[in-house]
Amino acid sequence: MVGSAVRAARLRSGVSQAELARRAKTSQPSIARLEKGQVSPTVISLDRIARALGAELIIDFEPVSDETKKTPTMEPRAI
């Protein structure tokens, strides 16, 4: 999900992976792996990418649905 958001923002900005990598001080293959969802980027690198695209990084939490709350959790058992 993060990778596709980065790709969408990059395309909206009209920037190539190579140009984004240069601006964000990383490599083009790193940007490609991120966009494909092959890596889990740090918040610091996402912020650097956002700034390189002239965007703001926003991290948000959404409430859990009632259905999700009903899912039983696995608790450790003593043996």
PDB file of N, CA and C in Angstrom:
ATOM      1  N   MET A   1       0.823  -1.183   0.000  1.00  0.00           N
ATOM      2  CA  MET A   1       0.000   0.000   0.000  1.00  0.00           C
ATOM      3  C   MET A   1       0.875   1.258   0.000  1.00  0.00           C
ATOM      4  N   VAL A   2       1.929   1.266   0.782  1.00  0.00           N
ATOM      5  CA  VAL A   2       2.827   2.417   0.828  1.00  0.00           C
ATOM      6  C   VAL A   2       3.509   2.601  -0.516  1.00  0.00           C
ATOM      7  N   GLY A   3       3.951   1.501  -1.099  1.00  0.00           N
ATOM      8  CA  GLY A   3       4.636   1.563  -2.385  1.00  0.00           C
ATOM      9  C   GLY A   3       3.766   2.159  -3.474  1.00  0.00           C
ATOM     10  N   SER A   4       2.510   1.747  -3.524  1.00  0.00           N
ATOM     11  CA  SER A   4       1.618   2.285  -4.554  1.00  0.00           C
ATOM     12  C   SER A   4       1.318   3.760  -4.300  1.00  0.00           C
ATOM     13  N   ALA A   5       1.294   4.172  -3.043  1.00  0.00           N
ATOM     14  CA  ALA A   5       1.085   5.591  -2.733  1.00  0.00           C
ATOM     15  C   ALA A   5       2.287   6.417  -3.178  1.00  0.00           C
ATOM     16  N   VAL A   6       3.488   5.893  -2.979  1.00  0.00           N
ATOM     17  CA  VAL A   6       4.705   6.587  -3.423  1.00  0.00           C
ATOM     18  C   VAL A   6       4.693   6.694  -4.945  1.00  0.00           C
ATOM     19  N   ARG A   7       4.365   5.598  -5.610  1.00  0.00           N
ATOM     20  CA  ARG A   7       4.333   5.601  -7.081  1.00  0.00           C
ATOM     21  C   ARG A   7       3.313   6.612  -7.602  1.00  0.00           C
ATOM     22  N   ALA A   8       2.123   6.627  -7.016  1.00  0.00           N
ATOM     23  CA  ALA A   8       1.082   7.560  -7.447  1.00  0.00           C
ATOM     24  C   ALA A   8       1.538   9.007  -7.253  1.00  0.00           C
ATOM     25  N   ALA A   9       2.152   9.297  -6.120  1.00  0.00           N
ATOM     26  CA  ALA A   9       2.636  10.656  -5.849  1.00  0.00           C
ATOM     27  C   ALA A   9       3.743  11.031  -6.827  1.00  0.00           C
ATOM     28  N   ARG A  10       4.607  10.068  -7.123  1.00  0.00           N
ATOM     29  CA  ARG A  10       5.701  10.328  -8.074  1.00  0.00           C
ATOM     30  C   ARG A  10       5.145  10.621  -9.466  1.00  0.00           C
ATOM     31  N   LEU A  11       4.178   9.825  -9.900  1.00  0.00           N
ATOM     32  CA  LEU A  11       3.593  10.030 -11.223  1.00  0.00           C
ATOM     33  C   LEU A  11       2.835  11.355 -11.298  1.00  0.00           C
ATOM     34  N   ARG A  12       2.120  11.705 -10.224  1.00  0.00           N
ATOM     35  CA  ARG A  12       1.422  13.009 -10.187  1.00  0.00           C
ATOM     36  C   ARG A  12       2.407  14.154 -10.318  1.00  0.00           C
ATOM     37  N   SER A  13       3.589  13.960  -9.762  1.00  0.00           N
ATOM     38  CA  SER A  13       4.619  15.001  -9.815  1.00  0.00           C
ATOM     39  C   SER A  13       5.363  15.010 -11.139  1.00  0.00           C
ATOM     40  N   GLY A  14       5.148  13.969 -11.962  1.00  0.00           N
ATOM     41  CA  GLY A  14       5.827  13.893 -13.239  1.00  0.00           C
ATOM     42  C   GLY A  14       7.316  13.646 -13.116  1.00  0.00           C
ATOM     43  N   VAL A  15       7.701  12.885 -12.108  1.00  0.00           N
ATOM     44  CA  VAL A  15       9.112  12.634 -11.810  1.00  0.00           C
ATOM     45  C   VAL A  15       9.434  11.162 -12.087  1.00  0.00           C
ATOM     46  N   SER A  16      10.578  10.885 -12.675  1.00  0.00           N
ATOM     47  CA  SER A  16      11.017   9.505 -12.901  1.00  0.00           C
ATOM     48  C   SER A  16      11.543   8.923 -11.586  1.00  0.00           C
ATOM     49  N   GLN A  17      11.656   7.594 -11.552  1.00  0.00           N
ATOM     50  CA  GLN A  17      12.255   6.949 -10.382  1.00  0.00           C
ATOM     51  C   GLN A  17      13.676   7.447 -10.169  1.00  0.00           C
ATOM     52  N   ALA A  18      14.422   7.607 -11.249  1.00  0.00           N
ATOM     53  CA  ALA A  18      15.815   8.062 -11.141  1.00  0.00           C
ATOM     54  C   ALA A  18      15.892   9.468 -10.557  1.00  0.00           C
ATOM     55  N   GLU A  19      15.003  10.350 -11.005  1.00  0.00           N
ATOM     56  CA  GLU A  19      15.009  11.726 -10.498  1.00  0.00           C
ATOM     57  C   GLU A  19      14.580  11.757  -9.029  1.00  0.00           C
ATOM     58  N   LEU A  20      13.579  10.981  -8.679  1.00  0.00           N
ATOM     59  CA  LEU A  20      13.149  10.922  -7.284  1.00  0.00           C
ATOM     60  C   LEU A  20      14.290  10.399  -6.412  1.00  0.00           C
ATOM     61  N   ALA A  21      14.958   9.374  -6.879  1.00  0.00           N
ATOM     62  CA  ALA A  21      16.087   8.815  -6.124  1.00  0.00           C
ATOM     63  C   ALA A  21      17.165   9.870  -5.908  1.00  0.00           C
ATOM     64  N   ARG A  22      17.472  10.624  -6.945  1.00  0.00           N
ATOM     65  CA  ARG A  22      18.498  11.670  -6.829  1.00  0.00           C
ATOM     66  C   ARG A  22      18.073  12.702  -5.786  1.00  0.00           C
ATOM     67  N   ARG A  23      16.827  13.144  -5.870  1.00  0.00           N
ATOM     68  CA  ARG A  23      16.328  14.159  -4.923  1.00  0.00           C
ATOM     69  C   ARG A  23      16.279  13.647  -3.492  1.00  0.00           C
ATOM     70  N   ALA A  24      15.937  12.369  -3.331  1.00  0.00           N
ATOM     71  CA  ALA A  24      15.792  11.780  -1.997  1.00  0.00           C
ATOM     72  C   ALA A  24      17.098  11.175  -1.481  1.00  0.00           C
ATOM     73  N   LYS A  25      18.172  11.333  -2.272  1.00  0.00           N
ATOM     74  CA  LYS A  25      19.487  10.823  -1.882  1.00  0.00           C
ATOM     75  C   LYS A  25      19.471   9.314  -1.628  1.00  0.00           C
ATOM     76  N   THR A  26      18.910   8.596  -2.595  1.00  0.00           N
ATOM     77  CA  THR A  26      18.901   7.138  -2.552  1.00  0.00           C
ATOM     78  C   THR A  26      19.138   6.641  -3.972  1.00  0.00           C
ATOM     79  N   SER A  27      18.913   5.365  -4.218  1.00  0.00           N
ATOM     80  CA  SER A  27      19.152   4.817  -5.557  1.00  0.00           C
ATOM     81  C   SER A  27      17.831   4.529  -6.268  1.00  0.00           C
ATOM     82  N   GLN A  28      17.876   4.494  -7.581  1.00  0.00           N
ATOM     83  CA  GLN A  28      16.682   4.170  -8.367  1.00  0.00           C
ATOM     84  C   GLN A  28      16.180   2.762  -8.047  1.00  0.00           C
ATOM     85  N   PRO A  29      17.069   1.754  -7.932  1.00  0.00           N
ATOM     86  CA  PRO A  29      16.564   0.424  -7.562  1.00  0.00           C
ATOM     87  C   PRO A  29      15.854   0.414  -6.201  1.00  0.00           C
ATOM     88  N   SER A  30      16.288   1.263  -5.275  1.00  0.00           N
ATOM     89  CA  SER A  30      15.615   1.347  -3.967  1.00  0.00           C
ATOM     90  C   SER A  30      14.193   1.872  -4.127  1.00  0.00           C
ATOM     91  N   ILE A  31      14.033   2.877  -4.981  1.00  0.00           N
ATOM     92  CA  ILE A  31      12.700   3.423  -5.243  1.00  0.00           C
ATOM     93  C   ILE A  31      11.836   2.358  -5.911  1.00  0.00           C
ATOM     94  N   ALA A  32      12.398   1.630  -6.870  1.00  0.00           N
ATOM     95  CA  ALA A  32      11.657   0.575  -7.571  1.00  0.00           C
ATOM     96  C   ALA A  32      11.197  -0.507  -6.593  1.00  0.00           C
ATOM     97  N   ARG A  33      12.094  -0.949  -5.686  1.00  0.00           N
ATOM     98  CA  ARG A  33      11.722  -1.976  -4.697  1.00  0.00           C
ATOM     99  C   ARG A  33      10.627  -1.468  -3.773  1.00  0.00           C
ATOM    100  N   LEU A  34      10.720  -0.214  -3.380  1.00  0.00           N
ATOM    101  CA  LEU A  34       9.702   0.388  -2.517  1.00  0.00           C
ATOM    102  C   LEU A  34       8.348   0.397  -3.215  1.00  0.00           C
ATOM    103  N   GLU A  35       8.332   0.856  -4.471  1.00  0.00           N
ATOM    104  CA  GLU A  35       7.078   0.945  -5.214  1.00  0.00           C
ATOM    105  C   GLU A  35       6.461  -0.433  -5.465  1.00  0.00           C
ATOM    106  N   LYS A  36       7.281  -1.466  -5.565  1.00  0.00           N
ATOM    107  CA  LYS A  36       6.785  -2.830  -5.777  1.00  0.00           C
ATOM    108  C   LYS A  36       6.359  -3.500  -4.474  1.00  0.00           C
ATOM    109  N   GLY A  37       6.595  -2.834  -3.345  1.00  0.00           N
ATOM    110  CA  GLY A  37       6.222  -3.403  -2.061  1.00  0.00           C
ATOM    111  C   GLY A  37       7.183  -4.461  -1.557  1.00  0.00           C
ATOM    112  N   GLN A  38       8.400  -4.439  -2.063  1.00  0.00           N
ATOM    113  CA  GLN A  38       9.391  -5.447  -1.682  1.00  0.00           C
ATOM    114  C   GLN A  38      10.174  -5.078  -0.427  1.00  0.00           C
ATOM    115  N   VAL A  39      10.029  -3.850   0.036  1.00  0.00           N
ATOM    116  CA  VAL A  39      10.724  -3.404   1.245  1.00  0.00           C
ATOM    117  C   VAL A  39       9.757  -2.649   2.141  1.00  0.00           C
ATOM    118  N   SER A  40      10.085  -2.581   3.401  1.00  0.00           N
ATOM    119  CA  SER A  40       9.317  -1.777   4.358  1.00  0.00           C
ATOM    120  C   SER A  40      10.155  -0.561   4.706  1.00  0.00           C
ATOM    121  N   PRO A  41       9.816   0.590   4.154  1.00  0.00           N
ATOM    122  CA  PRO A  41      10.630   1.779   4.384  1.00  0.00           C
ATOM    123  C   PRO A  41      10.452   2.330   5.791  1.00  0.00           C
ATOM    124  N   THR A  42      11.461   3.042   6.254  1.00  0.00           N
ATOM    125  CA  THR A  42      11.352   3.720   7.546  1.00  0.00           C
ATOM    126  C   THR A  42      10.551   5.003   7.358  1.00  0.00           C
ATOM    127  N   VAL A  43      10.063   5.531   8.439  1.00  0.00           N
ATOM    128  CA  VAL A  43       9.347   6.801   8.388  1.00  0.00           C
ATOM    129  C   VAL A  43      10.297   7.902   7.912  1.00  0.00           C
ATOM    130  N   ILE A  44      11.543   7.822   8.306  1.00  0.00           N
ATOM    131  CA  ILE A  44      12.529   8.821   7.889  1.00  0.00           C
ATOM    132  C   ILE A  44      12.695   8.813   6.378  1.00  0.00           C
ATOM    133  N   SER A  45      12.815   7.609   5.767  1.00  0.00           N
ATOM    134  CA  SER A  45      12.973   7.585   4.312  1.00  0.00           C
ATOM    135  C   SER A  45      11.695   8.003   3.604  1.00  0.00           C
ATOM    136  N   LEU A  46      10.529   7.672   4.149  1.00  0.00           N
ATOM    137  CA  LEU A  46       9.276   8.131   3.542  1.00  0.00           C
ATOM    138  C   LEU A  46       9.171   9.652   3.613  1.00  0.00           C
ATOM    139  N   ASP A  47       9.612  10.227   4.706  1.00  0.00           N
ATOM    140  CA  ASP A  47       9.584  11.685   4.828  1.00  0.00           C
ATOM    141  C   ASP A  47      10.528  12.322   3.819  1.00  0.00           C
ATOM    142  N   ARG A  48      11.698  11.735   3.630  1.00  0.00           N
ATOM    143  CA  ARG A  48      12.662  12.238   2.652  1.00  0.00           C
ATOM    144  C   ARG A  48      12.087  12.168   1.240  1.00  0.00           C
ATOM    145  N   ILE A  49      11.388  11.077   0.929  1.00  0.00           N
ATOM    146  CA  ILE A  49      10.758  10.913  -0.384  1.00  0.00           C
ATOM    147  C   ILE A  49       9.631  11.922  -0.561  1.00  0.00           C
ATOM    148  N   ALA A  50       8.822  12.097   0.468  1.00  0.00           N
ATOM    149  CA  ALA A  50       7.731  13.076   0.401  1.00  0.00           C
ATOM    150  C   ALA A  50       8.280  14.471   0.128  1.00  0.00           C
ATOM    151  N   ARG A  51       9.307  14.859   0.854  1.00  0.00           N
ATOM    152  CA  ARG A  51       9.911  16.180   0.652  1.00  0.00           C
ATOM    153  C   ARG A  51      10.488  16.312  -0.754  1.00  0.00           C
ATOM    154  N   ALA A  52      11.080  15.223  -1.265  1.00  0.00           N
ATOM    155  CA  ALA A  52      11.649  15.238  -2.614  1.00  0.00           C
ATOM    156  C   ALA A  52      10.558  15.428  -3.670  1.00  0.00           C
ATOM    157  N   LEU A  53       9.324  15.038  -3.334  1.00  0.00           N
ATOM    158  CA  LEU A  53       8.198  15.197  -4.245  1.00  0.00           C
ATOM    159  C   LEU A  53       7.413  16.479  -3.975  1.00  0.00           C
ATOM    160  N   GLY A  54       7.874  17.259  -3.004  1.00  0.00           N
ATOM    161  CA  GLY A  54       7.145  18.477  -2.647  1.00  0.00           C
ATOM    162  C   GLY A  54       5.827  18.163  -1.966  1.00  0.00           C
ATOM    163  N   ALA A  55       5.808  17.062  -1.241  1.00  0.00           N
ATOM    164  CA  ALA A  55       4.594  16.615  -0.558  1.00  0.00           C
ATOM    165  C   ALA A  55       4.843  16.542   0.940  1.00  0.00           C
ATOM    166  N   GLU A  56       3.779  16.329   1.672  1.00  0.00           N
ATOM    167  CA  GLU A  56       3.862  16.178   3.123  1.00  0.00           C
ATOM    168  C   GLU A  56       3.505  14.748   3.484  1.00  0.00           C
ATOM    169  N   LEU A  57       4.301  14.119   4.320  1.00  0.00           N
ATOM    170  CA  LEU A  57       4.011  12.764   4.789  1.00  0.00           C
ATOM    171  C   LEU A  57       3.004  12.858   5.923  1.00  0.00           C
ATOM    172  N   ILE A  58       1.889  12.159   5.763  1.00  0.00           N
ATOM    173  CA  ILE A  58       0.858  12.129   6.802  1.00  0.00           C
ATOM    174  C   ILE A  58       0.624  10.675   7.181  1.00  0.00           C
ATOM    175  N   ILE A  59       0.777  10.377   8.455  1.00  0.00           N
ATOM    176  CA  ILE A  59       0.526   9.033   8.966  1.00  0.00           C
ATOM    177  C   ILE A  59      -0.722   9.117   9.829  1.00  0.00           C
ATOM    178  N   ASP A  60      -1.647   8.206   9.606  1.00  0.00           N
ATOM    179  CA  ASP A  60      -2.937   8.294  10.278  1.00  0.00           C
ATOM    180  C   ASP A  60      -3.331   6.931  10.831  1.00  0.00           C
ATOM    181  N   PHE A  61      -4.084   6.927  11.902  1.00  0.00           N
ATOM    182  CA  PHE A  61      -4.668   5.717  12.447  1.00  0.00           C
ATOM    183  C   PHE A  61      -6.169   5.807  12.254  1.00  0.00           C
ATOM    184  N   GLU A  62      -6.761   4.686  11.874  1.00  0.00           N
ATOM    185  CA  GLU A  62      -8.201   4.650  11.688  1.00  0.00           C
ATOM    186  C   GLU A  62      -8.803   3.733  12.737  1.00  0.00           C
ATOM    187  N   PRO A  63     -10.020   4.025  13.154  1.00  0.00           N
ATOM    188  CA  PRO A  63     -10.645   3.175  14.168  1.00  0.00           C
ATOM    189  C   PRO A  63     -10.849   1.755  13.646  1.00  0.00           C
ATOM    190  N   VAL A  64     -10.784   0.819  14.565  1.00  0.00           N
ATOM    191  CA  VAL A  64     -11.004  -0.579  14.232  1.00  0.00           C
ATOM    192  C   VAL A  64     -12.504  -0.819  14.183  1.00  0.00           C
ATOM    193  N   SER A  65     -12.957  -1.577  13.183  1.00  0.00           N
ATOM    194  CA  SER A  65     -14.385  -1.865  13.065  1.00  0.00           C
ATOM    195  C   SER A  65     -14.818  -2.798  14.189  1.00  0.00           C
ATOM    196  N   ASP A  66     -16.105  -2.818  14.472  1.00  0.00           N
ATOM    197  CA  ASP A  66     -16.631  -3.700  15.518  1.00  0.00           C
ATOM    198  C   ASP A  66     -16.369  -5.165  15.189  1.00  0.00           C
ATOM    199  N   GLU A  67     -16.432  -5.518  13.899  1.00  0.00           N
ATOM    200  CA  GLU A  67     -16.190  -6.899  13.486  1.00  0.00           C
ATOM    201  C   GLU A  67     -14.764  -7.325  13.821  1.00  0.00           C
ATOM    202  N   THR A  68     -13.805  -6.436  13.602  1.00  0.00           N
ATOM    203  CA  THR A  68     -12.407  -6.744  13.903  1.00  0.00           C
ATOM    204  C   THR A  68     -12.210  -6.907  15.402  1.00  0.00           C
ATOM    205  N   LYS A  69     -12.916  -6.113  16.183  1.00  0.00           N
ATOM    206  CA  LYS A  69     -12.788  -6.194  17.642  1.00  0.00           C
ATOM    207  C   LYS A  69     -13.248  -7.546  18.172  1.00  0.00           C
ATOM    208  N   LYS A  70     -14.166  -8.217  17.457  1.00  0.00           N
ATOM    209  CA  LYS A  70     -14.714  -9.489  17.907  1.00  0.00           C
ATOM    210  C   LYS A  70     -13.785 -10.665  17.611  1.00  0.00           C
ATOM    211  N   THR A  71     -12.768 -10.451  16.794  1.00  0.00           N
ATOM    212  CA  THR A  71     -11.848 -11.525  16.444  1.00  0.00           C
ATOM    213  C   THR A  71     -11.065 -11.943  17.684  1.00  0.00           C
ATOM    214  N   PRO A  72     -11.114 -13.228  18.020  1.00  0.00           N
ATOM    215  CA  PRO A  72     -10.394 -13.667  19.220  1.00  0.00           C
ATOM    216  C   PRO A  72      -8.882 -13.536  19.031  1.00  0.00           C
ATOM    217  N   THR A  73      -8.233 -13.208  20.115  1.00  0.00           N
ATOM    218  CA  THR A  73      -6.772 -13.114  20.065  1.00  0.00           C
ATOM    219  C   THR A  73      -6.178 -14.383  20.632  1.00  0.00           C
ATOM    220  N   MET A  74      -4.991 -14.699  20.209  1.00  0.00           N
ATOM    221  CA  MET A  74      -4.308 -15.876  20.719  1.00  0.00           C
ATOM    222  C   MET A  74      -3.547 -15.462  21.961  1.00  0.00           C
ATOM    223  N   GLU A  75      -3.813 -16.109  23.053  1.00  0.00           N
ATOM    224  CA  GLU A  75      -3.136 -15.800  24.295  1.00  0.00           C
ATOM    225  C   GLU A  75      -2.190 -16.932  24.640  1.00  0.00           C
ATOM    226  N   PRO A  76      -1.037 -16.614  25.235  1.00  0.00           N
ATOM    227  CA  PRO A  76      -0.111 -17.675  25.602  1.00  0.00           C
ATOM    228  C   PRO A  76      -0.713 -18.613  26.633  1.00  0.00           C
ATOM    229  N   ARG A  77      -0.393 -19.882  26.507  1.00  0.00           N
ATOM    230  CA  ARG A  77      -0.889 -20.880  27.470  1.00  0.00           C
ATOM    231  C   ARG A  77       0.281 -21.490  28.222  1.00  0.00           C
ATOM    232  N   ALA A  78       0.065 -21.774  29.466  1.00  0.00           N
ATOM    233  CA  ALA A  78       1.081 -22.505  30.250  1.00  0.00           C
ATOM    234  C   ALA A  78       0.920 -23.984  29.959  1.00  0.00           C
ATOM    235  N   ILE A  79       2.022 -24.671  29.788  1.00  0.00           N
ATOM    236  CA  ILE A  79       1.953 -26.107  29.484  1.00  0.00           C
ATOM    237  C   ILE A  79       2.386 -26.901  30.683  1.00  0.00           C
TER     238      ILE A  79
END
